[in-house]
Amino acid sequence: MAKNEEIQVNLEAVELAKEIFEQLSQVRPEHSLSFVLNEEGTAAINESIKIAEWGIGGNKPKLKATALEILAEISEVETGDPVNVNFTEYEVKSMNEVYEVIVKALEVHEDGVLS
């Protein structure tokens, strides 16, 4: 998704995504974390994919690819099934990057339109 492409996000889901990624960005490398997503959590992950595609800069292709790969894996878990993650240090960094672009999206784009 090109950064100049306009997308609409669900702000309630993005607020929840912020909470989720605040936690994921603080996971200690090589330590596992398990959690379960309800329907709202699954929607939040899907919104975070759109925001990561939109907001992680082109000068960080590996970081963006890593984040999107993790997000895709999480989004494929059925709602109500456990999600288990065990991040490397670099993967934690990518989750922090997702958190940062979510915060930016909420601060700068209060109408839910990212352009």
PDB file of N, CA and C in Angstrom:
ATOM      1  N   MET A   1       0.846  -1.168   0.000  1.00  0.00           N
ATOM      2  CA  MET A   1       0.000   0.000   0.000  1.00  0.00           C
ATOM      3  C   MET A   1       0.894   1.235   0.000  1.00  0.00           C
ATOM      4  N   ALA A   2       0.687   2.097  -0.946  1.00  0.00           N
ATOM      5  CA  ALA A   2       1.500   3.300  -1.058  1.00  0.00           C
ATOM      6  C   ALA A   2       1.100   4.302   0.015  1.00  0.00           C
ATOM      7  N   LYS A   3       2.083   5.046   0.487  1.00  0.00           N
ATOM      8  CA  LYS A   3       1.819   5.991   1.575  1.00  0.00           C
ATOM      9  C   LYS A   3       0.896   7.120   1.125  1.00  0.00           C
ATOM     10  N   ASN A   4       0.835   7.415  -0.178  1.00  0.00           N
ATOM     11  CA  ASN A   4      -0.031   8.490  -0.647  1.00  0.00           C
ATOM     12  C   ASN A   4      -1.449   7.996  -0.928  1.00  0.00           C
ATOM     13  N   GLU A   5      -1.690   6.704  -0.729  1.00  0.00           N
ATOM     14  CA  GLU A   5      -3.012   6.138  -0.899  1.00  0.00           C
ATOM     15  C   GLU A   5      -3.816   6.392   0.370  1.00  0.00           C
ATOM     16  N   GLU A   6      -5.056   6.844   0.212  1.00  0.00           N
ATOM     17  CA  GLU A   6      -5.890   7.152   1.363  1.00  0.00           C
ATOM     18  C   GLU A   6      -6.614   5.888   1.823  1.00  0.00           C
ATOM     19  N   ILE A   7      -6.567   5.620   3.122  1.00  0.00           N
ATOM     20  CA  ILE A   7      -7.287   4.479   3.681  1.00  0.00           C
ATOM     21  C   ILE A   7      -8.098   4.924   4.884  1.00  0.00           C
ATOM     22  N   GLN A   8      -9.170   4.209   5.134  1.00  0.00           N
ATOM     23  CA  GLN A   8     -10.037   4.488   6.277  1.00  0.00           C
ATOM     24  C   GLN A   8      -9.815   3.399   7.317  1.00  0.00           C
ATOM     25  N   VAL A   9      -9.666   3.797   8.572  1.00  0.00           N
ATOM     26  CA  VAL A   9      -9.518   2.827   9.653  1.00  0.00           C
ATOM     27  C   VAL A   9     -10.608   3.049  10.696  1.00  0.00           C
ATOM     28  N   ASN A  10     -10.933   1.997  11.404  1.00  0.00           N
ATOM     29  CA  ASN A  10     -11.900   2.041  12.489  1.00  0.00           C
ATOM     30  C   ASN A  10     -11.162   2.506  13.744  1.00  0.00           C
ATOM     31  N   LEU A  11     -11.484   3.693  14.213  1.00  0.00           N
ATOM     32  CA  LEU A  11     -10.737   4.275  15.330  1.00  0.00           C
ATOM     33  C   LEU A  11     -10.872   3.483  16.631  1.00  0.00           C
ATOM     34  N   GLU A  12     -12.028   2.869  16.871  1.00  0.00           N
ATOM     35  CA  GLU A  12     -12.171   2.052  18.080  1.00  0.00           C
ATOM     36  C   GLU A  12     -11.224   0.859  18.026  1.00  0.00           C
ATOM     37  N   ALA A  13     -11.143   0.223  16.857  1.00  0.00           N
ATOM     38  CA  ALA A  13     -10.238  -0.916  16.695  1.00  0.00           C
ATOM     39  C   ALA A  13      -8.787  -0.463  16.806  1.00  0.00           C
ATOM     40  N   VAL A  14      -8.494   0.729  16.299  1.00  0.00           N
ATOM     41  CA  VAL A  14      -7.122   1.241  16.364  1.00  0.00           C
ATOM     42  C   VAL A  14      -6.734   1.546  17.810  1.00  0.00           C
ATOM     43  N   GLU A  15      -7.667   2.060  18.600  1.00  0.00           N
ATOM     44  CA  GLU A  15      -7.387   2.294  20.029  1.00  0.00           C
ATOM     45  C   GLU A  15      -7.045   0.984  20.728  1.00  0.00           C
ATOM     46  N   LEU A  16      -7.787  -0.071  20.398  1.00  0.00           N
ATOM     47  CA  LEU A  16      -7.497  -1.378  20.985  1.00  0.00           C
ATOM     48  C   LEU A  16      -6.155  -1.896  20.471  1.00  0.00           C
ATOM     49  N   ALA A  17      -5.878  -1.672  19.191  1.00  0.00           N
ATOM     50  CA  ALA A  17      -4.586  -2.087  18.621  1.00  0.00           C
ATOM     51  C   ALA A  17      -3.443  -1.408  19.358  1.00  0.00           C
ATOM     52  N   LYS A  18      -3.641  -0.154  19.718  1.00  0.00           N
ATOM     53  CA  LYS A  18      -2.609   0.570  20.472  1.00  0.00           C
ATOM     54  C   LYS A  18      -2.313  -0.154  21.780  1.00  0.00           C
ATOM     55  N   GLU A  19      -3.358  -0.577  22.480  1.00  0.00           N
ATOM     56  CA  GLU A  19      -3.165  -1.300  23.745  1.00  0.00           C
ATOM     57  C   GLU A  19      -2.458  -2.635  23.519  1.00  0.00           C
ATOM     58  N   ILE A  20      -2.863  -3.349  22.475  1.00  0.00           N
ATOM     59  CA  ILE A  20      -2.249  -4.648  22.175  1.00  0.00           C
ATOM     60  C   ILE A  20      -0.767  -4.480  21.872  1.00  0.00           C
ATOM     61  N   PHE A  21      -0.443  -3.519  21.013  1.00  0.00           N
ATOM     62  CA  PHE A  21       0.952  -3.358  20.604  1.00  0.00           C
ATOM     63  C   PHE A  21       1.805  -2.679  21.663  1.00  0.00           C
ATOM     64  N   GLU A  22       1.178  -1.973  22.573  1.00  0.00           N
ATOM     65  CA  GLU A  22       1.931  -1.461  23.715  1.00  0.00           C
ATOM     66  C   GLU A  22       2.479  -2.652  24.507  1.00  0.00           C
ATOM     67  N   GLN A  23       1.651  -3.688  24.640  1.00  0.00           N
ATOM     68  CA  GLN A  23       2.092  -4.897  25.344  1.00  0.00           C
ATOM     69  C   GLN A  23       3.092  -5.701  24.512  1.00  0.00           C
ATOM     70  N   LEU A  24       2.801  -5.902  23.226  1.00  0.00           N
ATOM     71  CA  LEU A  24       3.688  -6.705  22.379  1.00  0.00           C
ATOM     72  C   LEU A  24       5.063  -6.065  22.210  1.00  0.00           C
ATOM     73  N   SER A  25       5.112  -4.744  22.228  1.00  0.00           N
ATOM     74  CA  SER A  25       6.401  -4.068  22.051  1.00  0.00           C
ATOM     75  C   SER A  25       7.263  -4.145  23.308  1.00  0.00           C
ATOM     76  N   GLN A  26       6.683  -4.633  24.406  1.00  0.00           N
ATOM     77  CA  GLN A  26       7.431  -4.746  25.657  1.00  0.00           C
ATOM     78  C   GLN A  26       7.786  -6.188  26.018  1.00  0.00           C
ATOM     79  N   VAL A  27       7.457  -7.127  25.127  1.00  0.00           N
ATOM     80  CA  VAL A  27       7.802  -8.527  25.378  1.00  0.00           C
ATOM     81  C   VAL A  27       9.318  -8.652  25.365  1.00  0.00           C
ATOM     82  N   ARG A  28       9.846  -9.367  26.332  1.00  0.00           N
ATOM     83  CA  ARG A  28      11.297  -9.575  26.372  1.00  0.00           C
ATOM     84  C   ARG A  28      11.679 -10.565  25.282  1.00  0.00           C
ATOM     85  N   PRO A  29      12.741 -10.285  24.550  1.00  0.00           N
ATOM     86  CA  PRO A  29      13.179 -11.206  23.496  1.00  0.00           C
ATOM     87  C   PRO A  29      13.393 -12.621  24.039  1.00  0.00           C
ATOM     88  N   GLU A  30      12.994 -13.580  23.218  1.00  0.00           N
ATOM     89  CA  GLU A  30      13.149 -15.009  23.523  1.00  0.00           C
ATOM     90  C   GLU A  30      12.305 -15.473  24.706  1.00  0.00           C
ATOM     91  N   HIS A  31      11.287 -14.700  25.077  1.00  0.00           N
ATOM     92  CA  HIS A  31      10.328 -15.109  26.096  1.00  0.00           C
ATOM     93  C   HIS A  31       8.965 -15.235  25.419  1.00  0.00           C
ATOM     94  N   SER A  32       8.236 -16.258  25.745  1.00  0.00           N
ATOM     95  CA  SER A  32       6.960 -16.467  25.074  1.00  0.00           C
ATOM     96  C   SER A  32       5.836 -15.710  25.780  1.00  0.00           C
ATOM     97  N   LEU A  33       4.833 -15.398  24.986  1.00  0.00           N
ATOM     98  CA  LEU A  33       3.634 -14.732  25.476  1.00  0.00           C
ATOM     99  C   LEU A  33       2.458 -15.401  24.786  1.00  0.00           C
ATOM    100  N   SER A  34       1.442 -15.725  25.547  1.00  0.00           N
ATOM    101  CA  SER A  34       0.222 -16.313  24.994  1.00  0.00           C
ATOM    102  C   SER A  34      -0.954 -15.420  25.352  1.00  0.00           C
ATOM    103  N   PHE A  35      -1.866 -15.275  24.407  1.00  0.00           N
ATOM    104  CA  PHE A  35      -3.066 -14.486  24.640  1.00  0.00           C
ATOM    105  C   PHE A  35      -4.147 -14.960  23.687  1.00  0.00           C
ATOM    106  N   VAL A  36      -5.370 -14.540  23.947  1.00  0.00           N
ATOM    107  CA  VAL A  36      -6.509 -14.897  23.112  1.00  0.00           C
ATOM    108  C   VAL A  36      -7.153 -13.604  22.641  1.00  0.00           C
ATOM    109  N   LEU A  37      -7.483 -13.560  21.354  1.00  0.00           N
ATOM    110  CA  LEU A  37      -8.154 -12.387  20.795  1.00  0.00           C
ATOM    111  C   LEU A  37      -9.640 -12.681  20.613  1.00  0.00           C
ATOM    112  N   ASN A  38     -10.472 -11.747  21.053  1.00  0.00           N
ATOM    113  CA  ASN A  38     -11.894 -11.831  20.748  1.00  0.00           C
ATOM    114  C   ASN A  38     -12.114 -11.161  19.389  1.00  0.00           C
ATOM    115  N   GLU A  39     -13.362 -10.978  18.978  1.00  0.00           N
ATOM    116  CA  GLU A  39     -13.633 -10.378  17.666  1.00  0.00           C
ATOM    117  C   GLU A  39     -13.058  -8.966  17.560  1.00  0.00           C
ATOM    118  N   GLU A  40     -13.159  -8.205  18.638  1.00  0.00           N
ATOM    119  CA  GLU A  40     -12.623  -6.844  18.622  1.00  0.00           C
ATOM    120  C   GLU A  40     -11.105  -6.860  18.493  1.00  0.00           C
ATOM    121  N   GLY A  41     -10.462  -7.795  19.161  1.00  0.00           N
ATOM    122  CA  GLY A  41      -9.009  -7.923  19.066  1.00  0.00           C
ATOM    123  C   GLY A  41      -8.557  -8.315  17.672  1.00  0.00           C
ATOM    124  N   THR A  42      -9.307  -9.221  17.053  1.00  0.00           N
ATOM    125  CA  THR A  42      -8.989  -9.618  15.679  1.00  0.00           C
ATOM    126  C   THR A  42      -9.144  -8.427  14.741  1.00  0.00           C
ATOM    127  N   ALA A  43     -10.205  -7.637  14.932  1.00  0.00           N
ATOM    128  CA  ALA A  43     -10.399  -6.431  14.117  1.00  0.00           C
ATOM    129  C   ALA A  43      -9.253  -5.450  14.338  1.00  0.00           C
ATOM    130  N   ALA A  44      -8.786  -5.348  15.574  1.00  0.00           N
ATOM    131  CA  ALA A  44      -7.672  -4.444  15.886  1.00  0.00           C
ATOM    132  C   ALA A  44      -6.399  -4.881  15.170  1.00  0.00           C
ATOM    133  N   ILE A  45      -6.138  -6.176  15.132  1.00  0.00           N
ATOM    134  CA  ILE A  45      -4.961  -6.678  14.415  1.00  0.00           C
ATOM    135  C   ILE A  45      -5.087  -6.354  12.929  1.00  0.00           C
ATOM    136  N   ASN A  46      -6.274  -6.550  12.367  1.00  0.00           N
ATOM    137  CA  ASN A  46      -6.466  -6.251  10.946  1.00  0.00           C
ATOM    138  C   ASN A  46      -6.275  -4.765  10.644  1.00  0.00           C
ATOM    139  N   GLU A  47      -6.729  -3.904  11.540  1.00  0.00           N
ATOM    140  CA  GLU A  47      -6.503  -2.468  11.351  1.00  0.00           C
ATOM    141  C   GLU A  47      -5.020  -2.136  11.479  1.00  0.00           C
ATOM    142  N   SER A  48      -4.335  -2.826  12.370  1.00  0.00           N
ATOM    143  CA  SER A  48      -2.902  -2.561  12.546  1.00  0.00           C
ATOM    144  C   SER A  48      -2.107  -2.960  11.306  1.00  0.00           C
ATOM    145  N   ILE A  49      -2.576  -3.965  10.581  1.00  0.00           N
ATOM    146  CA  ILE A  49      -1.917  -4.340   9.323  1.00  0.00           C
ATOM    147  C   ILE A  49      -2.000  -3.176   8.342  1.00  0.00           C
ATOM    148  N   LYS A  50      -3.195  -2.582   8.218  1.00  0.00           N
ATOM    149  CA  LYS A  50      -3.352  -1.438   7.308  1.00  0.00           C
ATOM    150  C   LYS A  50      -2.450  -0.281   7.725  1.00  0.00           C
ATOM    151  N   ILE A  51      -2.392  -0.022   9.027  1.00  0.00           N
ATOM    152  CA  ILE A  51      -1.579   1.090   9.515  1.00  0.00           C
ATOM    153  C   ILE A  51      -0.093   0.814   9.320  1.00  0.00           C
ATOM    154  N   ALA A  52       0.339  -0.414   9.568  1.00  0.00           N
ATOM    155  CA  ALA A  52       1.751  -0.763   9.366  1.00  0.00           C
ATOM    156  C   ALA A  52       2.136  -0.616   7.900  1.00  0.00           C
ATOM    157  N   GLU A  53       1.268  -1.071   7.002  1.00  0.00           N
ATOM    158  CA  GLU A  53       1.545  -0.917   5.567  1.00  0.00           C
ATOM    159  C   GLU A  53       1.638   0.554   5.198  1.00  0.00           C
ATOM    160  N   TRP A  54       0.763   1.356   5.774  1.00  0.00           N
ATOM    161  CA  TRP A  54       0.728   2.787   5.477  1.00  0.00           C
ATOM    162  C   TRP A  54       1.884   3.540   6.120  1.00  0.00           C
ATOM    163  N   GLY A  55       2.202   3.200   7.378  1.00  0.00           N
ATOM    164  CA  GLY A  55       3.049   4.089   8.149  1.00  0.00           C
ATOM    165  C   GLY A  55       4.507   3.730   8.329  1.00  0.00           C
ATOM    166  N   ILE A  56       4.873   2.458   8.139  1.00  0.00           N
ATOM    167  CA  ILE A  56       6.285   2.109   8.313  1.00  0.00           C
ATOM    168  C   ILE A  56       7.019   2.501   7.044  1.00  0.00           C
ATOM    169  N   GLY A  57       8.007   3.346   7.207  1.00  0.00           N
ATOM    170  CA  GLY A  57       8.689   3.967   6.079  1.00  0.00           C
ATOM    171  C   GLY A  57       9.367   3.011   5.115  1.00  0.00           C
ATOM    172  N   GLY A  58       9.476   3.476   3.887  1.00  0.00           N
ATOM    173  CA  GLY A  58      10.135   2.715   2.837  1.00  0.00           C
ATOM    174  C   GLY A  58      11.616   2.517   3.083  1.00  0.00           C
ATOM    175  N   ASN A  59      12.178   3.303   3.993  1.00  0.00           N
ATOM    176  CA  ASN A  59      13.597   3.146   4.319  1.00  0.00           C
ATOM    177  C   ASN A  59      13.815   2.051   5.364  1.00  0.00           C
ATOM    178  N   LYS A  60      12.747   1.355   5.723  1.00  0.00           N
ATOM    179  CA  LYS A  60      12.832   0.261   6.700  1.00  0.00           C
ATOM    180  C   LYS A  60      12.171  -0.996   6.126  1.00  0.00           C
ATOM    181  N   PRO A  61      12.585  -1.438   4.947  1.00  0.00           N
ATOM    182  CA  PRO A  61      11.868  -2.558   4.309  1.00  0.00           C
ATOM    183  C   PRO A  61      11.922  -3.860   5.098  1.00  0.00           C
ATOM    184  N   LYS A  62      13.050  -4.167   5.719  1.00  0.00           N
ATOM    185  CA  LYS A  62      13.155  -5.417   6.476  1.00  0.00           C
ATOM    186  C   LYS A  62      12.285  -5.357   7.730  1.00  0.00           C
ATOM    187  N   LEU A  63      12.317  -4.226   8.421  1.00  0.00           N
ATOM    188  CA  LEU A  63      11.505  -4.047   9.622  1.00  0.00           C
ATOM    189  C   LEU A  63      10.018  -4.149   9.275  1.00  0.00           C
ATOM    190  N   LYS A  64       9.627  -3.503   8.194  1.00  0.00           N
ATOM    191  CA  LYS A  64       8.237  -3.541   7.747  1.00  0.00           C
ATOM    192  C   LYS A  64       7.832  -4.961   7.381  1.00  0.00           C
ATOM    193  N   ALA A  65       8.676  -5.656   6.631  1.00  0.00           N
ATOM    194  CA  ALA A  65       8.371  -7.031   6.231  1.00  0.00           C
ATOM    195  C   ALA A  65       8.238  -7.938   7.447  1.00  0.00           C
ATOM    196  N   THR A  66       9.116  -7.761   8.418  1.00  0.00           N
ATOM    197  CA  THR A  66       9.062  -8.563   9.642  1.00  0.00           C
ATOM    198  C   THR A  66       7.758  -8.300  10.389  1.00  0.00           C
ATOM    199  N   ALA A  67       7.416  -7.035  10.548  1.00  0.00           N
ATOM    200  CA  ALA A  67       6.179  -6.679  11.251  1.00  0.00           C
ATOM    201  C   ALA A  67       4.962  -7.245  10.532  1.00  0.00           C
ATOM    202  N   LEU A  68       4.913  -7.089   9.212  1.00  0.00           N
ATOM    203  CA  LEU A  68       3.757  -7.572   8.460  1.00  0.00           C
ATOM    204  C   LEU A  68       3.650  -9.092   8.494  1.00  0.00           C
ATOM    205  N   GLU A  69       4.779  -9.770   8.509  1.00  0.00           N
ATOM    206  CA  GLU A  69       4.762 -11.233   8.601  1.00  0.00           C
ATOM    207  C   GLU A  69       4.180 -11.680   9.946  1.00  0.00           C
ATOM    208  N   ILE A  70       4.610 -11.038  11.016  1.00  0.00           N
ATOM    209  CA  ILE A  70       4.085 -11.373  12.348  1.00  0.00           C
ATOM    210  C   ILE A  70       2.593 -11.065  12.424  1.00  0.00           C
ATOM    211  N   LEU A  71       2.203  -9.900  11.919  1.00  0.00           N
ATOM    212  CA  LEU A  71       0.791  -9.515  11.951  1.00  0.00           C
ATOM    213  C   LEU A  71      -0.064 -10.488  11.148  1.00  0.00           C
ATOM    214  N   ALA A  72       0.439 -10.918   9.996  1.00  0.00           N
ATOM    215  CA  ALA A  72      -0.297 -11.880   9.172  1.00  0.00           C
ATOM    216  C   ALA A  72      -0.488 -13.191   9.923  1.00  0.00           C
ATOM    217  N   GLU A  73       0.560 -13.645  10.588  1.00  0.00           N
ATOM    218  CA  GLU A  73       0.466 -14.889  11.362  1.00  0.00           C
ATOM    219  C   GLU A  73      -0.557 -14.754  12.493  1.00  0.00           C
ATOM    220  N   ILE A  74      -0.539 -13.632  13.187  1.00  0.00           N
ATOM    221  CA  ILE A  74      -1.497 -13.425  14.277  1.00  0.00           C
ATOM    222  C   ILE A  74      -2.914 -13.345  13.723  1.00  0.00           C
ATOM    223  N   SER A  75      -3.088 -12.667  12.594  1.00  0.00           N
ATOM    224  CA  SER A  75      -4.432 -12.500  12.028  1.00  0.00           C
ATOM    225  C   SER A  75      -5.025 -13.814  11.529  1.00  0.00           C
ATOM    226  N   GLU A  76      -4.183 -14.801  11.252  1.00  0.00           N
ATOM    227  CA  GLU A  76      -4.673 -16.098  10.767  1.00  0.00           C
ATOM    228  C   GLU A  76      -5.182 -16.994  11.887  1.00  0.00           C
ATOM    229  N   VAL A  77      -4.884 -16.657  13.128  1.00  0.00           N
ATOM    230  CA  VAL A  77      -5.361 -17.449  14.265  1.00  0.00           C
ATOM    231  C   VAL A  77      -6.861 -17.198  14.422  1.00  0.00           C
ATOM    232  N   GLU A  78      -7.614 -18.270  14.566  1.00  0.00           N
ATOM    233  CA  GLU A  78      -9.061 -18.154  14.723  1.00  0.00           C
ATOM    234  C   GLU A  78      -9.400 -17.370  15.992  1.00  0.00           C
ATOM    235  N   THR A  79     -10.421 -16.533  15.898  1.00  0.00           N
ATOM    236  CA  THR A  79     -10.893 -15.786  17.056  1.00  0.00           C
ATOM    237  C   THR A  79     -11.209 -16.766  18.187  1.00  0.00           C
ATOM    238  N   GLY A  80     -10.681 -16.488  19.358  1.00  0.00           N
ATOM    239  CA  GLY A  80     -10.904 -17.341  20.515  1.00  0.00           C
ATOM    240  C   GLY A  80      -9.848 -18.409  20.722  1.00  0.00           C
ATOM    241  N   ASP A  81      -9.006 -18.643  19.706  1.00  0.00           N
ATOM    242  CA  ASP A  81      -7.907 -19.602  19.850  1.00  0.00           C
ATOM    243  C   ASP A  81      -6.689 -18.890  20.425  1.00  0.00           C
ATOM    244  N   PRO A  82      -5.839 -19.610  21.135  1.00  0.00           N
ATOM    245  CA  PRO A  82      -4.662 -18.960  21.716  1.00  0.00           C
ATOM    246  C   PRO A  82      -3.644 -18.529  20.660  1.00  0.00           C
ATOM    247  N   VAL A  83      -3.064 -17.372  20.885  1.00  0.00           N
ATOM    248  CA  VAL A  83      -1.971 -16.859  20.061  1.00  0.00           C
ATOM    249  C   VAL A  83      -0.714 -16.983  20.914  1.00  0.00           C
ATOM    250  N   ASN A  84       0.292 -17.621  20.373  1.00  0.00           N
ATOM    251  CA  ASN A  84       1.558 -17.783  21.093  1.00  0.00           C
ATOM    252  C   ASN A  84       2.649 -17.079  20.303  1.00  0.00           C
ATOM    253  N   VAL A  85       3.373 -16.194  20.966  1.00  0.00           N
ATOM    254  CA  VAL A  85       4.475 -15.497  20.301  1.00  0.00           C
ATOM    255  C   VAL A  85       5.745 -15.664  21.121  1.00  0.00           C
ATOM    256  N   ASN A  86       6.842 -15.706  20.424  1.00  0.00           N
ATOM    257  CA  ASN A  86       8.167 -15.785  21.036  1.00  0.00           C
ATOM    258  C   ASN A  86       9.084 -15.005  20.097  1.00  0.00           C
ATOM    259  N   PHE A  87       9.290 -13.728  20.397  1.00  0.00           N
ATOM    260  CA  PHE A  87       9.981 -12.822  19.490  1.00  0.00           C
ATOM    261  C   PHE A  87      11.487 -12.797  19.706  1.00  0.00           C
ATOM    262  N   THR A  88      12.193 -12.593  18.608  1.00  0.00           N
ATOM    263  CA  THR A  88      13.610 -12.248  18.696  1.00  0.00           C
ATOM    264  C   THR A  88      13.686 -10.766  19.050  1.00  0.00           C
ATOM    265  N   GLU A  89      14.868 -10.290  19.331  1.00  0.00           N
ATOM    266  CA  GLU A  89      15.038  -8.866  19.636  1.00  0.00           C
ATOM    267  C   GLU A  89      14.582  -8.001  18.458  1.00  0.00           C
ATOM    268  N   TYR A  90      14.899  -8.429  17.238  1.00  0.00           N
ATOM    269  CA  TYR A  90      14.507  -7.665  16.056  1.00  0.00           C
ATOM    270  C   TYR A  90      12.987  -7.661  15.882  1.00  0.00           C
ATOM    271  N   GLU A  91      12.348  -8.780  16.180  1.00  0.00           N
ATOM    272  CA  GLU A  91      10.891  -8.849  16.066  1.00  0.00           C
ATOM    273  C   GLU A  91      10.219  -7.948  17.099  1.00  0.00           C
ATOM    274  N   VAL A  92      10.787  -7.861  18.294  1.00  0.00           N
ATOM    275  CA  VAL A  92      10.265  -6.921  19.297  1.00  0.00           C
ATOM    276  C   VAL A  92      10.401  -5.494  18.765  1.00  0.00           C
ATOM    277  N   LYS A  93      11.520  -5.207  18.131  1.00  0.00           N
ATOM    278  CA  LYS A  93      11.730  -3.883  17.532  1.00  0.00           C
ATOM    279  C   LYS A  93      10.658  -3.601  16.480  1.00  0.00           C
ATOM    280  N   SER A  94      10.305  -4.606  15.694  1.00  0.00           N
ATOM    281  CA  SER A  94       9.279  -4.406  14.666  1.00  0.00           C
ATOM    282  C   SER A  94       7.911  -4.157  15.303  1.00  0.00           C
ATOM    283  N   MET A  95       7.622  -4.818  16.423  1.00  0.00           N
ATOM    284  CA  MET A  95       6.354  -4.585  17.122  1.00  0.00           C
ATOM    285  C   MET A  95       6.324  -3.180  17.715  1.00  0.00           C
ATOM    286  N   ASN A  96       7.462  -2.696  18.176  1.00  0.00           N
ATOM    287  CA  ASN A  96       7.554  -1.324  18.664  1.00  0.00           C
ATOM    288  C   ASN A  96       7.299  -0.333  17.530  1.00  0.00           C
ATOM    289  N   GLU A  97       7.792  -0.642  16.359  1.00  0.00           N
ATOM    290  CA  GLU A  97       7.561   0.226  15.197  1.00  0.00           C
ATOM    291  C   GLU A  97       6.071   0.282  14.861  1.00  0.00           C
ATOM    292  N   VAL A  98       5.396  -0.859  14.925  1.00  0.00           N
ATOM    293  CA  VAL A  98       3.948  -0.885  14.693  1.00  0.00           C
ATOM    294  C   VAL A  98       3.251  -0.021  15.743  1.00  0.00           C
ATOM    295  N   TYR A  99       3.642  -0.170  16.992  1.00  0.00           N
ATOM    296  CA  TYR A  99       3.059   0.641  18.062  1.00  0.00           C
ATOM    297  C   TYR A  99       3.241   2.132  17.766  1.00  0.00           C
ATOM    298  N   GLU A 100       4.434   2.513  17.355  1.00  0.00           N
ATOM    299  CA  GLU A 100       4.713   3.928  17.078  1.00  0.00           C
ATOM    300  C   GLU A 100       3.863   4.475  15.935  1.00  0.00           C
ATOM    301  N   VAL A 101       3.664   3.696  14.869  1.00  0.00           N
ATOM    302  CA  VAL A 101       2.851   4.212  13.759  1.00  0.00           C
ATOM    303  C   VAL A 101       1.368   4.231  14.133  1.00  0.00           C
ATOM    304  N   ILE A 102       0.946   3.334  15.014  1.00  0.00           N
ATOM    305  CA  ILE A 102      -0.439   3.381  15.495  1.00  0.00           C
ATOM    306  C   ILE A 102      -0.653   4.651  16.313  1.00  0.00           C
ATOM    307  N   VAL A 103       0.274   4.960  17.205  1.00  0.00           N
ATOM    308  CA  VAL A 103       0.179   6.192  18.002  1.00  0.00           C
ATOM    309  C   VAL A 103       0.147   7.406  17.081  1.00  0.00           C
ATOM    310  N   LYS A 104       1.019   7.416  16.086  1.00  0.00           N
ATOM    311  CA  LYS A 104       1.054   8.534  15.131  1.00  0.00           C
ATOM    312  C   LYS A 104      -0.274   8.650  14.390  1.00  0.00           C
ATOM    313  N   ALA A 105      -0.816   7.525  13.959  1.00  0.00           N
ATOM    314  CA  ALA A 105      -2.088   7.545  13.236  1.00  0.00           C
ATOM    315  C   ALA A 105      -3.203   8.113  14.104  1.00  0.00           C
ATOM    316  N   LEU A 106      -3.216   7.756  15.366  1.00  0.00           N
ATOM    317  CA  LEU A 106      -4.250   8.267  16.269  1.00  0.00           C
ATOM    318  C   LEU A 106      -4.074   9.749  16.566  1.00  0.00           C
ATOM    319  N   GLU A 107      -2.836  10.199  16.685  1.00  0.00           N
ATOM    320  CA  GLU A 107      -2.578  11.604  17.010  1.00  0.00           C
ATOM    321  C   GLU A 107      -2.833  12.527  15.826  1.00  0.00           C
ATOM    322  N   VAL A 108      -2.415  12.105  14.659  1.00  0.00           N
ATOM    323  CA  VAL A 108      -2.428  12.986  13.500  1.00  0.00           C
ATOM    324  C   VAL A 108      -3.706  12.853  12.678  1.00  0.00           C
ATOM    325  N   HIS A 109      -4.331  11.704  12.749  1.00  0.00           N
ATOM    326  CA  HIS A 109      -5.474  11.432  11.869  1.00  0.00           C
ATOM    327  C   HIS A 109      -6.700  11.068  12.698  1.00  0.00           C
ATOM    328  N   GLU A 110      -7.210  12.049  13.423  1.00  0.00           N
ATOM    329  CA  GLU A 110      -8.325  11.821  14.334  1.00  0.00           C
ATOM    330  C   GLU A 110      -9.610  11.433  13.621  1.00  0.00           C
ATOM    331  N   ASP A 111      -9.682  11.674  12.305  1.00  0.00           N
ATOM    332  CA  ASP A 111     -10.879  11.330  11.548  1.00  0.00           C
ATOM    333  C   ASP A 111     -10.863   9.893  11.042  1.00  0.00           C
ATOM    334  N   GLY A 112      -9.758   9.179  11.261  1.00  0.00           N
ATOM    335  CA  GLY A 112      -9.663   7.797  10.817  1.00  0.00           C
ATOM    336  C   GLY A 112      -9.268   7.634   9.369  1.00  0.00           C
ATOM    337  N   VAL A 113      -8.948   8.746   8.689  1.00  0.00           N
ATOM    338  CA  VAL A 113      -8.515   8.680   7.294  1.00  0.00           C
ATOM    339  C   VAL A 113      -7.012   8.889   7.252  1.00  0.00           C
ATOM    340  N   LEU A 114      -6.306   7.893   6.755  1.00  0.00           N
ATOM    341  CA  LEU A 114      -4.850   7.977   6.630  1.00  0.00           C
ATOM    342  C   LEU A 114      -4.519   8.257   5.178  1.00  0.00           C
ATOM    343  N   SER A 115      -3.741   9.301   4.963  1.00  0.00           N
ATOM    344  CA  SER A 115      -3.373   9.629   3.582  1.00  0.00           C
ATOM    345  C   SER A 115      -1.902   9.937   3.490  1.00  0.00           C
TER     346      SER A 115
END
